Protein backbone atom coordinates (compact mmCIF):
# COMPACT_ATOMS: atom_id res chain seq x y z
CA MET A 1 -11.91 12.25 -9.16
CA SER A 2 -13.27 8.80 -10.00
CA TRP A 3 -11.68 6.43 -7.48
CA ASN A 4 -14.97 4.57 -7.00
CA LYS A 5 -15.55 4.21 -10.72
CA HIS A 6 -12.06 2.91 -11.43
CA LEU A 7 -12.00 0.52 -8.49
CA SER A 8 -15.48 -0.76 -9.37
CA ARG A 9 -14.40 -1.42 -12.97
CA TYR A 10 -11.12 -3.03 -11.89
CA THR A 11 -13.03 -5.29 -9.50
CA ALA A 12 -15.51 -6.31 -12.18
CA LEU A 13 -12.69 -7.20 -14.57
CA HIS A 14 -10.91 -9.29 -11.91
CA GLY A 15 -13.89 -11.10 -10.47
CA GLY A 16 -14.05 -9.49 -7.02
CA GLN A 17 -16.59 -7.62 -4.92
CA PHE A 18 -16.86 -3.83 -4.81
CA PHE A 19 -18.58 -1.80 -2.10
CA GLY A 20 -19.14 1.94 -2.36
CA CYS A 21 -21.31 4.71 -3.79
CA ASN A 22 -21.09 6.06 -7.30
CA ASP A 23 -20.72 9.80 -6.88
CA SER A 24 -22.13 10.56 -10.33
CA ASP A 25 -25.46 8.87 -9.49
CA SER A 26 -26.31 11.17 -6.57
CA GLY A 27 -28.46 14.23 -6.96
CA SER A 28 -25.90 16.50 -5.33
CA PRO A 29 -22.09 16.55 -5.10
CA ARG A 30 -20.71 14.11 -2.54
CA ILE A 31 -18.58 15.53 0.24
CA ASP A 32 -16.09 12.67 -0.06
CA ASN A 33 -16.10 12.98 -3.85
CA GLY A 34 -16.46 9.25 -4.39
CA VAL A 35 -13.52 7.92 -2.38
CA ASP A 36 -15.38 5.59 -0.01
CA GLY A 37 -15.13 2.54 -2.27
CA PHE A 38 -13.34 -0.63 -1.20
CA ALA A 39 -13.00 -4.04 -2.78
CA PHE A 40 -12.32 -7.67 -1.99
CA LEU A 41 -10.29 -9.51 -4.62
CA GLU A 42 -8.16 -12.61 -5.00
CA TYR A 43 -4.52 -12.73 -6.04
CA ARG A 44 -2.86 -16.08 -6.56
CA ASP A 45 -5.76 -17.72 -4.68
CA LEU A 46 -5.32 -15.42 -1.66
CA PRO A 47 -7.89 -12.87 -0.40
CA VAL A 48 -6.98 -9.20 -0.89
CA ALA A 49 -8.62 -6.02 0.37
CA VAL A 50 -8.19 -2.67 -1.45
CA ASN A 51 -9.19 0.72 -0.06
CA LEU A 52 -8.05 4.30 0.48
CA VAL A 53 -6.59 5.50 3.77
CA SER A 54 -6.36 9.18 4.56
CA GLY A 55 -4.04 11.38 6.56
CA ALA A 56 -3.53 15.07 7.18
CA THR A 57 -1.09 16.93 4.96
CA GLY A 58 -0.32 19.54 7.60
CA GLY A 59 -3.07 21.89 6.45
CA LEU A 60 -6.82 21.49 6.15
CA SER A 61 -6.64 19.10 3.21
CA LEU A 62 -6.33 15.34 3.27
CA SER A 63 -3.89 13.12 1.41
CA TYR A 64 -4.92 9.64 0.36
CA ARG A 65 -2.95 6.43 0.04
CA VAL A 66 -4.07 3.35 -1.86
CA ALA A 67 -3.77 0.41 0.54
CA VAL A 68 -3.67 -3.29 -0.33
CA SER A 69 -3.98 -5.72 2.58
CA MET A 70 -3.47 -9.46 2.96
CA HIS A 71 -3.31 -11.84 5.92
CA ALA A 72 -0.41 -13.93 7.19
CA ARG A 73 -0.27 -16.19 10.22
CA LEU A 74 2.89 -16.00 12.32
CA LYS A 75 4.01 -17.32 15.67
CA GLY A 76 3.92 -14.50 18.19
CA ASP A 77 3.40 -10.81 17.57
CA TYR A 78 5.48 -9.09 14.91
CA LEU A 79 5.68 -5.52 13.68
CA LEU A 80 7.40 -4.16 10.57
CA PHE A 81 7.21 -0.80 8.86
CA VAL A 82 9.17 0.03 5.70
CA GLY A 83 8.71 3.63 4.65
CA GLU A 84 8.90 5.20 1.22
CA LYS A 85 12.05 6.69 -0.25
CA ASN A 86 13.13 9.96 1.32
CA THR A 87 11.26 13.01 0.05
CA PRO A 88 11.74 16.74 0.64
CA LEU A 89 10.11 16.06 4.03
CA GLN A 90 13.13 13.96 5.07
CA GLY A 91 14.11 16.51 7.71
CA ILE A 92 10.70 16.23 9.32
CA HIS A 93 10.96 12.44 9.34
CA ILE A 94 14.33 12.66 11.12
CA VAL A 95 12.84 14.93 13.79
CA LEU A 96 9.93 12.55 14.26
CA ARG A 97 12.30 9.61 14.66
CA GLN A 98 14.10 11.53 17.42
CA VAL A 99 10.79 12.23 19.15
CA ASP A 100 9.87 8.55 18.85
CA LYS A 101 12.99 7.27 20.60
CA GLU A 102 11.37 7.20 24.03
CA SER A 103 8.28 5.39 22.77
CA ASP A 104 10.51 2.96 20.86
CA ALA A 105 12.26 2.00 24.10
CA GLN A 106 8.92 1.40 25.78
CA SER A 107 7.40 -0.62 22.95
CA GLY A 108 10.48 -2.62 22.02
CA GLU A 109 10.46 -1.31 18.44
CA LYS A 110 13.79 -0.55 16.79
CA ASN A 111 14.99 1.36 13.74
CA ILE A 112 17.34 -0.46 11.37
CA THR A 113 19.17 0.87 8.32
CA SER A 114 21.18 -0.36 5.36
CA GLU A 115 24.22 -0.24 7.66
CA HIS A 116 22.77 -3.31 9.41
CA GLY A 117 23.61 -5.54 6.47
CA ILE A 118 20.44 -5.27 4.40
CA SER A 119 20.15 -4.51 0.69
CA GLU A 120 20.91 -1.07 -0.74
CA VAL A 121 17.33 -1.16 -2.07
CA TYR A 122 16.27 0.02 1.37
CA ARG A 123 18.65 2.96 1.58
CA GLY A 124 16.66 6.12 2.23
CA ARG A 125 13.72 4.24 3.72
CA GLN A 126 12.81 4.31 7.39
CA ILE A 127 12.54 0.75 8.75
CA ARG A 128 10.98 0.00 12.13
CA THR A 129 10.52 -3.46 13.55
CA SER A 130 9.96 -5.41 16.73
CA ASP A 131 12.42 -8.14 15.67
CA PRO A 132 15.54 -6.92 13.80
CA GLY A 133 17.02 -10.40 13.40
CA PHE A 134 13.94 -11.84 11.73
CA THR A 135 13.42 -8.66 9.71
CA LYS A 136 16.90 -8.90 8.16
CA ASN A 137 15.92 -12.26 6.71
CA VAL A 138 12.60 -10.86 5.48
CA LEU A 139 14.26 -7.94 3.69
CA LYS A 140 16.75 -10.22 1.93
CA ASP A 141 13.93 -11.75 -0.11
CA LEU A 142 14.83 -11.08 -3.76
CA GLU A 143 11.26 -10.75 -5.02
CA LEU A 144 10.49 -8.19 -2.34
CA CYS A 145 13.67 -6.26 -3.14
CA HIS A 146 12.93 -6.13 -6.87
CA THR A 147 9.27 -5.22 -6.38
CA LEU A 148 9.95 -2.49 -3.82
CA GLN A 149 12.78 -1.02 -5.90
CA ALA A 150 10.28 -0.38 -8.70
CA GLN A 151 7.99 1.53 -6.30
CA PRO A 152 9.93 4.34 -4.57
CA ARG A 153 6.76 5.64 -2.90
CA GLY A 154 5.61 2.22 -1.75
CA ARG A 155 5.31 1.43 1.96
CA ILE A 156 5.00 -1.90 3.74
CA LYS A 157 3.39 -2.49 7.10
CA VAL A 158 2.99 -5.75 9.03
CA VAL A 159 0.97 -5.61 12.25
CA ARG A 160 -1.10 -7.96 14.36
CA SER A 161 -4.66 -8.17 13.05
CA GLY A 162 -7.75 -9.17 15.01
CA ALA A 163 -8.21 -10.94 18.30
CA GLU A 164 -7.12 -14.43 17.21
CA GLU A 165 -3.51 -15.12 18.03
CA GLY A 166 -0.99 -15.20 15.21
CA TRP A 167 -2.94 -13.39 12.48
CA HIS A 168 -1.19 -10.36 10.99
CA CYS A 169 -2.16 -7.81 8.37
CA VAL A 170 0.42 -7.32 5.61
CA GLN A 171 -0.27 -4.02 3.89
CA ALA A 172 1.36 -2.29 0.94
CA SER A 173 0.41 1.31 0.21
CA ALA A 174 1.29 4.16 -2.13
CA PRO A 175 0.16 7.79 -2.30
CA LEU A 176 -2.66 8.60 -4.65
CA GLY A 177 -0.49 11.58 -5.54
CA ASN A 178 -2.91 14.44 -6.06
CA ASP A 179 0.03 16.79 -5.58
CA LEU A 180 1.16 17.63 -9.10
CA LEU A 181 4.62 18.43 -7.70
CA ASP A 182 5.06 14.76 -6.78
CA GLU A 183 8.06 13.67 -8.85
CA TYR A 184 6.71 10.12 -9.08
CA GLY A 185 3.44 11.26 -10.60
CA HIS A 186 -0.12 10.59 -9.52
CA TRP A 187 -2.72 7.94 -10.24
CA ASP A 188 -4.72 8.91 -13.29
CA LEU A 189 -8.34 8.94 -12.12
CA SER A 190 -9.76 10.58 -15.23
CA TRP A 191 -12.70 8.76 -16.78
CA PRO A 192 -13.11 8.51 -20.58
CA GLU A 193 -16.30 10.01 -21.94
CA GLN A 194 -18.45 7.52 -23.82
CA GLY A 195 -18.62 9.87 -26.77
CA ASP A 196 -14.84 9.88 -27.12
CA LEU A 197 -14.72 6.15 -27.88
CA ALA A 198 -16.00 4.23 -30.87
CA ASP A 199 -17.72 1.50 -28.89
CA ARG A 200 -18.05 -0.02 -25.44
CA GLU A 201 -15.48 -2.75 -26.17
CA GLU A 202 -12.83 -0.11 -26.79
CA MET A 203 -13.76 1.61 -23.53
CA GLU A 204 -13.47 -1.69 -21.65
CA ARG A 205 -10.09 -2.34 -23.27
CA ARG A 206 -8.74 1.04 -22.22
CA LEU A 207 -10.00 0.68 -18.66
CA GLY A 208 -8.47 -2.80 -18.44
CA ASP A 209 -5.00 -1.51 -19.39
CA ASN A 210 -4.70 2.00 -18.04
CA ASP A 211 -2.59 3.82 -15.47
CA PHE A 212 -4.92 2.89 -12.60
CA SER A 213 -4.88 -0.81 -13.45
CA ARG A 214 -1.11 -0.97 -13.89
CA ARG A 215 -0.45 0.82 -10.59
CA LEU A 216 -2.93 -1.31 -8.66
CA ASP A 217 -1.56 -4.51 -10.23
CA ALA A 218 1.92 -3.51 -9.03
CA LEU A 219 0.74 -2.59 -5.53
CA ILE A 220 -1.13 -5.89 -5.12
CA HIS A 221 2.01 -7.73 -6.16
CA LEU A 222 4.04 -5.73 -3.62
CA ALA A 223 1.68 -6.82 -0.83
CA TRP A 224 1.96 -10.43 -2.01
CA ALA A 225 5.78 -10.21 -2.15
CA ALA A 226 5.88 -8.77 1.38
CA ARG A 227 3.62 -11.55 2.66
CA SER A 228 5.74 -14.20 0.98
CA ALA A 229 8.92 -12.69 2.43
CA VAL A 230 7.47 -12.61 5.95
CA LEU A 231 6.32 -16.22 5.74
CA GLY A 232 9.68 -17.27 4.31
CA GLY A 233 11.78 -15.32 6.81
CA GLY A 234 12.72 -18.40 8.81
CA GLN A 235 13.31 -18.57 12.55
CA ASP A 236 10.13 -20.64 12.93
CA ARG A 237 7.94 -17.54 12.59
CA ALA A 238 5.52 -19.00 10.02
CA ASP A 239 2.54 -20.70 11.65
């Protein structure tokens, strides 16, 4: 696949910085198949980081998620995790939540559901937080609700970031979706051959408005909406 190529082109078109190796320029196939690329961009005058994060699928293969991260400064430590819509693995998630109950009690984290007075948009999503009262205000944000509703496989995570007090990482992520059985589809990482296009301008136009660009645009906006909701959640959390 051509994650590095697509992210490099997206970064060039949006005026950011790309770091990574082009797998097609090496003399031999790359083990990671060109997925080490990451980028620094700006969205609405705010710094944004884009990269892939990996996790085991239960076998020997890896699954990748596209992650978009931003910073927010809050008073005190805060944790929030909003999972994706339930999948066929829902039963496994339920078991894991039962296993996590003891650690939840020790860490102070709590699960909340749509029965706690939050929008139906979040029905079917696991929500974990260190501050349920504040989180209810965060999840009421209309822009966040509308943006997350359009991305059933989107996740949101807010955790403390770095050693300096108050700084948090706000991250939105979505599966790259290499599994063709994924009902929500997968990111199209195909790369047009130069010979298939009349000229370079047409190639640039297609790469500027393709599946990869539209999905990454939406994921960046989800991270921004989550950040805005956290900073606007009230209770004197914003620093």
